[in-house]
Amino acid sequence: MIRNLLSGIASGLLVWAYLLIWDATDFTTPFTAYFFAGVVAALGGWIWPVVIGWFLVRRHRSKQDEQIQKEVDRQIAEKSGQ
């Protein structure tokens, strides 16, 4: 449910931004502009979970590396203290 909501919001913002740019530049015909806006929105709605997932995995790995480093430091401190 929340994924669909966020996808709709992200897609809507992408369409709005594309059409705003199109209106400012008057680069193409209206049909082409709306077609490409739909394609951009569809791709944005499909790709955003991949980007968010990549970010979350990277963050998790970073936290895991920090925990491993803390454990290594603790074990070295234990050995040097004996």
Protein backbone atom coordinates (compact mmCIF):
# COMPACT_ATOMS: atom_id res chain seq x y z
CA MET A 1 0.00 0.00 0.00
CA ILE A 2 2.66 2.51 1.02
CA ARG A 3 4.83 1.48 -1.93
CA ASN A 4 1.99 2.20 -4.34
CA LEU A 5 1.35 5.55 -2.70
CA LEU A 6 5.00 6.56 -2.87
CA SER A 7 5.23 5.33 -6.44
CA GLY A 8 2.23 7.43 -7.41
CA ILE A 9 3.67 10.52 -5.74
CA ALA A 10 7.10 10.02 -7.32
CA SER A 11 5.57 9.41 -10.74
CA GLY A 12 3.34 12.45 -10.43
CA LEU A 13 6.28 14.65 -9.51
CA LEU A 14 8.29 13.33 -12.45
CA VAL A 15 5.43 14.01 -14.86
CA TRP A 16 4.93 17.48 -13.43
CA ALA A 17 8.65 18.30 -13.71
CA TYR A 18 8.88 16.99 -17.27
CA LEU A 19 5.81 18.89 -18.43
CA LEU A 20 7.03 22.03 -16.68
CA ILE A 21 10.33 21.80 -18.54
CA TRP A 22 8.52 21.02 -21.79
CA ASP A 23 6.25 24.04 -21.35
CA ALA A 24 9.23 26.30 -20.64
CA THR A 25 11.19 25.15 -23.70
CA ASP A 26 8.35 24.41 -26.18
CA PHE A 27 10.61 21.69 -27.61
CA THR A 28 8.07 19.12 -28.87
CA THR A 29 4.43 18.67 -29.77
CA PRO A 30 1.94 18.12 -26.92
CA PHE A 31 1.34 14.46 -27.81
CA THR A 32 5.07 13.68 -27.74
CA ALA A 33 5.50 15.57 -24.49
CA TYR A 34 2.69 13.68 -22.75
CA PHE A 35 3.91 10.37 -24.16
CA PHE A 36 7.43 10.90 -22.86
CA ALA A 37 6.06 12.19 -19.56
CA GLY A 38 4.15 8.92 -19.18
CA VAL A 39 7.24 6.89 -20.04
CA VAL A 40 9.37 8.85 -17.58
CA ALA A 41 6.74 8.42 -14.87
CA ALA A 42 6.48 4.69 -15.50
CA LEU A 43 10.23 4.25 -15.35
CA GLY A 44 10.43 6.38 -12.22
CA GLY A 45 7.73 4.33 -10.53
CA TRP A 46 9.52 1.13 -11.47
CA ILE A 47 13.07 2.19 -10.58
CA TRP A 48 12.60 4.02 -7.27
CA PRO A 49 12.31 0.82 -5.15
CA VAL A 50 15.61 -0.37 -6.64
CA VAL A 51 17.33 2.89 -5.74
CA ILE A 52 15.90 2.90 -2.21
CA GLY A 53 16.85 -0.78 -1.76
CA TRP A 54 20.39 -0.09 -2.94
CA PHE A 55 20.68 2.78 -0.44
CA LEU A 56 19.34 0.67 2.44
CA VAL A 57 21.65 -2.27 1.67
CA ARG A 58 24.63 0.06 1.54
CA ARG A 59 23.65 1.60 4.88
CA HIS A 60 23.22 -1.84 6.46
CA ARG A 61 26.64 -3.00 5.24
CA SER A 62 28.24 0.13 6.64
CA LYS A 63 26.68 -0.50 10.07
CA GLN A 64 27.76 -4.14 9.90
CA ASP A 65 31.35 -3.12 9.08
CA GLU A 66 31.35 -0.74 12.06
CA GLN A 67 30.18 -3.52 14.39
CA ILE A 68 32.85 -5.90 13.07
CA GLN A 69 35.53 -3.25 13.55
CA LYS A 70 34.38 -2.61 17.14
CA GLU A 71 34.56 -6.34 17.88
CA VAL A 72 38.06 -6.60 16.38
CA ASP A 73 39.20 -3.59 18.43
CA ARG A 74 37.71 -5.15 21.57
CA GLN A 75 39.47 -8.46 20.99
CA ILE A 76 42.81 -6.74 20.30
CA ALA A 77 42.41 -4.72 23.50
CA GLU A 78 41.67 -7.93 25.43
CA LYS A 79 44.76 -9.69 24.08
CA SER A 80 47.04 -6.74 24.73
CA GLY A 81 45.66 -6.44 28.27
CA GLN A 82 46.47 -10.06 29.17
